[in-house]
PDB file of N, CA and C in Angstrom:
ATOM      1  N   MET A   1      23.791  45.337  53.526  1.00  0.00           N
ATOM      2  CA  MET A   1      24.009  44.786  52.198  1.00  0.00           C
ATOM      3  C   MET A   1      23.788  45.886  51.166  1.00  0.00           C
ATOM      4  N   HIS A   2      24.696  46.022  50.256  1.00  0.00           N
ATOM      5  CA  HIS A   2      24.599  47.024  49.204  1.00  0.00           C
ATOM      6  C   HIS A   2      23.800  46.487  48.035  1.00  0.00           C
ATOM      7  N   ASP A   3      23.312  47.410  47.181  1.00  0.00           N
ATOM      8  CA  ASP A   3      22.572  47.002  45.989  1.00  0.00           C
ATOM      9  C   ASP A   3      23.426  46.164  45.058  1.00  0.00           C
ATOM     10  N   THR A   4      24.734  46.412  45.036  1.00  0.00           N
ATOM     11  CA  THR A   4      25.610  45.661  44.136  1.00  0.00           C
ATOM     12  C   THR A   4      25.856  44.243  44.641  1.00  0.00           C
ATOM     13  N   ASP A   5      25.580  43.980  45.938  1.00  0.00           N
ATOM     14  CA  ASP A   5      25.785  42.655  46.513  1.00  0.00           C
ATOM     15  C   ASP A   5      24.610  41.721  46.238  1.00  0.00           C
ATOM     16  N   ARG A   6      23.489  42.267  45.874  1.00  0.00           N
ATOM     17  CA  ARG A   6      22.290  41.455  45.668  1.00  0.00           C
ATOM     18  C   ARG A   6      22.360  40.735  44.329  1.00  0.00           C
ATOM     19  N   GLN A   7      21.882  39.506  44.323  1.00  0.00           N
ATOM     20  CA  GLN A   7      21.795  38.738  43.086  1.00  0.00           C
ATOM     21  C   GLN A   7      20.582  39.224  42.302  1.00  0.00           C
ATOM     22  N   PRO A   8      20.703  39.345  40.978  1.00  0.00           N
ATOM     23  CA  PRO A   8      19.535  39.743  40.198  1.00  0.00           C
ATOM     24  C   PRO A   8      18.476  38.645  40.251  1.00  0.00           C
ATOM     25  N   GLU A   9      17.222  39.078  40.342  1.00  0.00           N
ATOM     26  CA  GLU A   9      16.156  38.085  40.394  1.00  0.00           C
ATOM     27  C   GLU A   9      16.029  37.402  39.037  1.00  0.00           C
ATOM     28  N   LYS A  10      15.809  36.101  39.082  1.00  0.00           N
ATOM     29  CA  LYS A  10      15.643  35.336  37.854  1.00  0.00           C
ATOM     30  C   LYS A  10      14.233  35.573  37.323  1.00  0.00           C
ATOM     31  N   VAL A  11      14.119  35.664  36.011  1.00  0.00           N
ATOM     32  CA  VAL A  11      12.810  35.856  35.406  1.00  0.00           C
ATOM     33  C   VAL A  11      12.455  34.620  34.602  1.00  0.00           C
ATOM     34  N   GLY A  12      11.173  34.282  34.616  1.00  0.00           N
ATOM     35  CA  GLY A  12      10.680  33.150  33.851  1.00  0.00           C
ATOM     36  C   GLY A  12      10.334  33.566  32.432  1.00  0.00           C
ATOM     37  N   ILE A  13       9.938  32.585  31.644  1.00  0.00           N
ATOM     38  CA  ILE A  13       9.637  32.849  30.241  1.00  0.00           C
ATOM     39  C   ILE A  13       8.452  33.806  30.100  1.00  0.00           C
ATOM     40  N   TRP A  14       7.458  33.698  30.978  1.00  0.00           N
ATOM     41  CA  TRP A  14       6.290  34.588  30.863  1.00  0.00           C
ATOM     42  C   TRP A  14       6.657  36.024  31.180  1.00  0.00           C
ATOM     43  N   GLU A  15       7.577  36.227  32.131  1.00  0.00           N
ATOM     44  CA  GLU A  15       8.039  37.582  32.429  1.00  0.00           C
ATOM     45  C   GLU A  15       8.809  38.154  31.248  1.00  0.00           C
ATOM     46  N   VAL A  16       9.592  37.302  30.569  1.00  0.00           N
ATOM     47  CA  VAL A  16      10.329  37.747  29.386  1.00  0.00           C
ATOM     48  C   VAL A  16       9.339  38.146  28.294  1.00  0.00           C
ATOM     49  N   VAL A  17       8.331  37.307  28.061  1.00  0.00           N
ATOM     50  CA  VAL A  17       7.321  37.605  27.029  1.00  0.00           C
ATOM     51  C   VAL A  17       6.603  38.912  27.361  1.00  0.00           C
ATOM     52  N   LYS A  18       6.196  39.081  28.617  1.00  0.00           N
ATOM     53  CA  LYS A  18       5.503  40.318  29.008  1.00  0.00           C
ATOM     54  C   LYS A  18       6.405  41.531  28.857  1.00  0.00           C
ATOM     55  N   SER A  19       7.674  41.393  29.219  1.00  0.00           N
ATOM     56  CA  SER A  19       8.606  42.510  29.089  1.00  0.00           C
ATOM     57  C   SER A  19       8.820  42.899  27.635  1.00  0.00           C
ATOM     58  N   VAL A  20       8.998  41.904  26.768  1.00  0.00           N
ATOM     59  CA  VAL A  20       9.207  42.190  25.346  1.00  0.00           C
ATOM     60  C   VAL A  20       7.958  42.819  24.753  1.00  0.00           C
ATOM     61  N   PHE A  21       6.802  42.276  25.082  1.00  0.00           N
ATOM     62  CA  PHE A  21       5.539  42.814  24.565  1.00  0.00           C
ATOM     63  C   PHE A  21       5.351  44.262  25.009  1.00  0.00           C
ATOM     64  N   ALA A  22       5.584  44.531  26.293  1.00  0.00           N
ATOM     65  CA  ALA A  22       5.434  45.898  26.809  1.00  0.00           C
ATOM     66  C   ALA A  22       6.451  46.839  26.178  1.00  0.00           C
ATOM     67  N   ALA A  23       7.677  46.377  26.011  1.00  0.00           N
ATOM     68  CA  ALA A  23       8.719  47.219  25.422  1.00  0.00           C
ATOM     69  C   ALA A  23       8.424  47.524  23.955  1.00  0.00           C
ATOM     70  N   MET A  24       7.874  46.561  23.226  1.00  0.00           N
ATOM     71  CA  MET A  24       7.551  46.784  21.811  1.00  0.00           C
ATOM     72  C   MET A  24       6.511  47.890  21.644  1.00  0.00           C
ATOM     73  N   PHE A  25       5.609  47.995  22.609  1.00  0.00           N
ATOM     74  CA  PHE A  25       4.568  49.013  22.528  1.00  0.00           C
ATOM     75  C   PHE A  25       4.888  50.254  23.347  1.00  0.00           C
ATOM     76  N   GLY A  26       6.075  50.285  23.952  1.00  0.00           N
ATOM     77  CA  GLY A  26       6.534  51.480  24.651  1.00  0.00           C
ATOM     78  C   GLY A  26       5.891  51.721  26.000  1.00  0.00           C
ATOM     79  N   VAL A  27       5.421  50.669  26.653  1.00  0.00           N
ATOM     80  CA  VAL A  27       4.774  50.846  27.950  1.00  0.00           C
ATOM     81  C   VAL A  27       5.501  50.094  29.059  1.00  0.00           C
ATOM     82  N   GLN A  28       6.773  49.780  28.844  1.00  0.00           N
ATOM     83  CA  GLN A  28       7.568  49.060  29.829  1.00  0.00           C
ATOM     84  C   GLN A  28       7.813  49.952  31.044  1.00  0.00           C
ATOM     85  N   SER A  29       7.591  49.417  32.242  1.00  0.00           N
ATOM     86  CA  SER A  29       7.847  50.204  33.448  1.00  0.00           C
ATOM     87  C   SER A  29       9.352  50.284  33.692  1.00  0.00           C
ATOM     88  N   ASP A  30       9.763  51.332  34.358  1.00  0.00           N
ATOM     89  CA  ASP A  30      11.183  51.515  34.649  1.00  0.00           C
ATOM     90  C   ASP A  30      11.698  50.396  35.538  1.00  0.00           C
ATOM     91  N   LYS A  31      10.885  49.959  36.489  1.00  0.00           N
ATOM     92  CA  LYS A  31      11.282  48.872  37.390  1.00  0.00           C
ATOM     93  C   LYS A  31      11.571  47.601  36.601  1.00  0.00           C
ATOM     94  N   ASN A  32      10.679  47.247  35.674  1.00  0.00           N
ATOM     95  CA  ASN A  32      10.879  46.039  34.874  1.00  0.00           C
ATOM     96  C   ASN A  32      12.050  46.199  33.905  1.00  0.00           C
ATOM     97  N   ARG A  33      12.218  47.385  33.363  1.00  0.00           N
ATOM     98  CA  ARG A  33      13.344  47.626  32.459  1.00  0.00           C
ATOM     99  C   ARG A  33      14.661  47.425  33.193  1.00  0.00           C
ATOM    100  N   GLN A  34      14.756  47.957  34.394  1.00  0.00           N
ATOM    101  CA  GLN A  34      15.981  47.793  35.182  1.00  0.00           C
ATOM    102  C   GLN A  34      16.212  46.323  35.528  1.00  0.00           C
ATOM    103  N   ARG A  35      15.140  45.607  35.881  1.00  0.00           N
ATOM    104  CA  ARG A  35      15.255  44.174  36.173  1.00  0.00           C
ATOM    105  C   ARG A  35      15.767  43.421  34.945  1.00  0.00           C
ATOM    106  N   ASP A  36      15.228  43.765  33.786  1.00  0.00           N
ATOM    107  CA  ASP A  36      15.626  43.083  32.553  1.00  0.00           C
ATOM    108  C   ASP A  36      17.087  43.323  32.218  1.00  0.00           C
ATOM    109  N   PHE A  37      17.571  44.540  32.425  1.00  0.00           N
ATOM    110  CA  PHE A  37      18.959  44.862  32.088  1.00  0.00           C
ATOM    111  C   PHE A  37      19.955  44.281  33.083  1.00  0.00           C
ATOM    112  N   LYS A  38      19.477  43.813  34.235  1.00  0.00           N
ATOM    113  CA  LYS A  38      20.364  43.189  35.216  1.00  0.00           C
ATOM    114  C   LYS A  38      20.519  41.690  34.984  1.00  0.00           C
ATOM    115  N   GLN A  39      19.809  41.132  34.022  1.00  0.00           N
ATOM    116  CA  GLN A  39      19.890  39.696  33.760  1.00  0.00           C
ATOM    117  C   GLN A  39      21.251  39.327  33.180  1.00  0.00           C
ATOM    118  N   ALA A  40      21.668  38.093  33.438  1.00  0.00           N
ATOM    119  CA  ALA A  40      22.971  37.626  32.977  1.00  0.00           C
ATOM    120  C   ALA A  40      23.019  37.449  31.464  1.00  0.00           C
ATOM    121  N   SER A  41      21.907  37.078  30.870  1.00  0.00           N
ATOM    122  CA  SER A  41      21.895  36.808  29.434  1.00  0.00           C
ATOM    123  C   SER A  41      20.746  37.558  28.771  1.00  0.00           C
ATOM    124  N   MET A  42      21.035  38.108  27.598  1.00  0.00           N
ATOM    125  CA  MET A  42      19.973  38.784  26.853  1.00  0.00           C
ATOM    126  C   MET A  42      19.362  37.876  25.800  1.00  0.00           C
ATOM    127  N   ALA A  43      19.865  36.640  25.692  1.00  0.00           N
ATOM    128  CA  ALA A  43      19.397  35.705  24.671  1.00  0.00           C
ATOM    129  C   ALA A  43      17.881  35.455  24.717  1.00  0.00           C
ATOM    130  N   PRO A  44      17.284  35.221  25.886  1.00  0.00           N
ATOM    131  CA  PRO A  44      15.834  34.991  25.889  1.00  0.00           C
ATOM    132  C   PRO A  44      15.046  36.197  25.365  1.00  0.00           C
ATOM    133  N   TYR A  45      15.514  37.399  25.687  1.00  0.00           N
ATOM    134  CA  TYR A  45      14.840  38.609  25.226  1.00  0.00           C
ATOM    135  C   TYR A  45      14.967  38.757  23.717  1.00  0.00           C
ATOM    136  N   LEU A  46      16.145  38.443  23.180  1.00  0.00           N
ATOM    137  CA  LEU A  46      16.347  38.508  21.731  1.00  0.00           C
ATOM    138  C   LEU A  46      15.472  37.492  21.004  1.00  0.00           C
ATOM    139  N   LEU A  47      15.444  36.260  21.506  1.00  0.00           N
ATOM    140  CA  LEU A  47      14.644  35.221  20.864  1.00  0.00           C
ATOM    141  C   LEU A  47      13.157  35.563  20.871  1.00  0.00           C
ATOM    142  N   VAL A  48      12.653  35.991  22.019  1.00  0.00           N
ATOM    143  CA  VAL A  48      11.234  36.352  22.111  1.00  0.00           C
ATOM    144  C   VAL A  48      10.952  37.578  21.255  1.00  0.00           C
ATOM    145  N   GLY A  49      11.850  38.549  21.234  1.00  0.00           N
ATOM    146  CA  GLY A  49      11.672  39.744  20.413  1.00  0.00           C
ATOM    147  C   GLY A  49      11.628  39.421  18.931  1.00  0.00           C
ATOM    148  N   ILE A  50      12.552  38.579  18.480  1.00  0.00           N
ATOM    149  CA  ILE A  50      12.571  38.186  17.067  1.00  0.00           C
ATOM    150  C   ILE A  50      11.307  37.403  16.715  1.00  0.00           C
ATOM    151  N   LEU A  51      10.912  36.476  17.579  1.00  0.00           N
ATOM    152  CA  LEU A  51       9.685  35.708  17.347  1.00  0.00           C
ATOM    153  C   LEU A  51       8.470  36.620  17.272  1.00  0.00           C
ATOM    154  N   PHE A  52       8.393  37.598  18.183  1.00  0.00           N
ATOM    155  CA  PHE A  52       7.273  38.534  18.193  1.00  0.00           C
ATOM    156  C   PHE A  52       7.225  39.338  16.889  1.00  0.00           C
ATOM    157  N   VAL A  53       8.372  39.818  16.419  1.00  0.00           N
ATOM    158  CA  VAL A  53       8.425  40.601  15.185  1.00  0.00           C
ATOM    159  C   VAL A  53       8.010  39.749  13.992  1.00  0.00           C
ATOM    160  N   VAL A  54       8.486  38.505  13.931  1.00  0.00           N
ATOM    161  CA  VAL A  54       8.115  37.611  12.823  1.00  0.00           C
ATOM    162  C   VAL A  54       6.607  37.364  12.815  1.00  0.00           C
ATOM    163  N   ILE A  55       6.037  37.075  13.975  1.00  0.00           N
ATOM    164  CA  ILE A  55       4.583  36.853  14.052  1.00  0.00           C
ATOM    165  C   ILE A  55       3.826  38.116  13.664  1.00  0.00           C
ATOM    166  N   PHE A  56       4.298  39.264  14.115  1.00  0.00           N
ATOM    167  CA  PHE A  56       3.650  40.536  13.791  1.00  0.00           C
ATOM    168  C   PHE A  56       3.674  40.801  12.286  1.00  0.00           C
ATOM    169  N   VAL A  57       4.827  40.601  11.654  1.00  0.00           N
ATOM    170  CA  VAL A  57       4.955  40.842  10.211  1.00  0.00           C
ATOM    171  C   VAL A  57       4.095  39.851   9.428  1.00  0.00           C
ATOM    172  N   LEU A  58       4.123  38.576   9.817  1.00  0.00           N
ATOM    173  CA  LEU A  58       3.281  37.587   9.132  1.00  0.00           C
ATOM    174  C   LEU A  58       1.799  37.920   9.293  1.00  0.00           C
ATOM    175  N   GLY A  59       1.424  38.415  10.465  1.00  0.00           N
ATOM    176  CA  GLY A  59       0.040  38.837  10.678  1.00  0.00           C
ATOM    177  C   GLY A  59      -0.340  40.000   9.773  1.00  0.00           C
ATOM    178  N   LEU A  60       0.554  40.973   9.631  1.00  0.00           N
ATOM    179  CA  LEU A  60       0.287  42.099   8.728  1.00  0.00           C
ATOM    180  C   LEU A  60       0.166  41.633   7.282  1.00  0.00           C
ATOM    181  N   ILE A  61       1.049  40.736   6.879  1.00  0.00           N
ATOM    182  CA  ILE A  61       0.966  40.200   5.513  1.00  0.00           C
ATOM    183  C   ILE A  61      -0.356  39.477   5.305  1.00  0.00           C
ATOM    184  N   GLY A  62      -0.789  38.722   6.298  1.00  0.00           N
ATOM    185  CA  GLY A  62      -2.061  38.013   6.212  1.00  0.00           C
ATOM    186  C   GLY A  62      -3.249  38.959   6.099  1.00  0.00           C
ATOM    187  N   VAL A  63      -3.246  40.018   6.884  1.00  0.00           N
ATOM    188  CA  VAL A  63      -4.346  40.999   6.838  1.00  0.00           C
ATOM    189  C   VAL A  63      -4.369  41.688   5.479  1.00  0.00           C
ATOM    190  N   VAL A  64      -3.226  42.083   4.970  1.00  0.00           N
ATOM    191  CA  VAL A  64      -3.154  42.744   3.660  1.00  0.00           C
ATOM    192  C   VAL A  64      -3.631  41.789   2.567  1.00  0.00           C
ATOM    193  N   ALA A  65      -3.239  40.526   2.647  1.00  0.00           N
ATOM    194  CA  ALA A  65      -3.670  39.543   1.653  1.00  0.00           C
ATOM    195  C   ALA A  65      -5.181  39.341   1.690  1.00  0.00           C
ATOM    196  N   LEU A  66      -5.773  39.448   2.872  1.00  0.00           N
ATOM    197  CA  LEU A  66      -7.225  39.279   2.984  1.00  0.00           C
ATOM    198  C   LEU A  66      -8.003  40.468   2.416  1.00  0.00           C
ATOM    199  N   ILE A  67      -7.462  41.662   2.561  1.00  0.00           N
ATOM    200  CA  ILE A  67      -8.249  42.836   2.173  1.00  0.00           C
ATOM    201  C   ILE A  67      -7.954  43.336   0.766  1.00  0.00           C
ATOM    202  N   THR A  68      -6.891  42.852   0.162  1.00  0.00           N
ATOM    203  CA  THR A  68      -6.597  43.291  -1.213  1.00  0.00           C
ATOM    204  C   THR A  68      -7.165  42.282  -2.213  1.00  0.00           C
ATOM    205  N   PRO A  69      -7.610  42.772  -3.347  1.00  0.00           N
ATOM    206  CA  PRO A  69      -8.167  41.841  -4.348  1.00  0.00           C
ATOM    207  C   PRO A  69      -7.067  40.966  -4.958  1.00  0.00           C
ATOM    208  N   ASN A  70      -7.490  39.789  -5.379  1.00  0.00           N
ATOM    209  CA  ASN A  70      -6.526  38.859  -5.992  1.00  0.00           C
ATOM    210  C   ASN A  70      -6.216  39.363  -7.332  1.00  0.00           C
TER     211      ASN A  70
END
């Protein structure tokens, strides 16, 4: 059986979250990166990535609001 004959392994939501989190901080392993790029749809990665960025930005805004004087 060739590598091209194998079906890509399906990833669950937690694997998507871990992959996006690792990729955002630049510590994604090559094995996981290759697995992610073999998926049929990039939609879950985009949704989790956008959600992560929104939460991150809102967190930064919250921290700045707490430490700056009114």
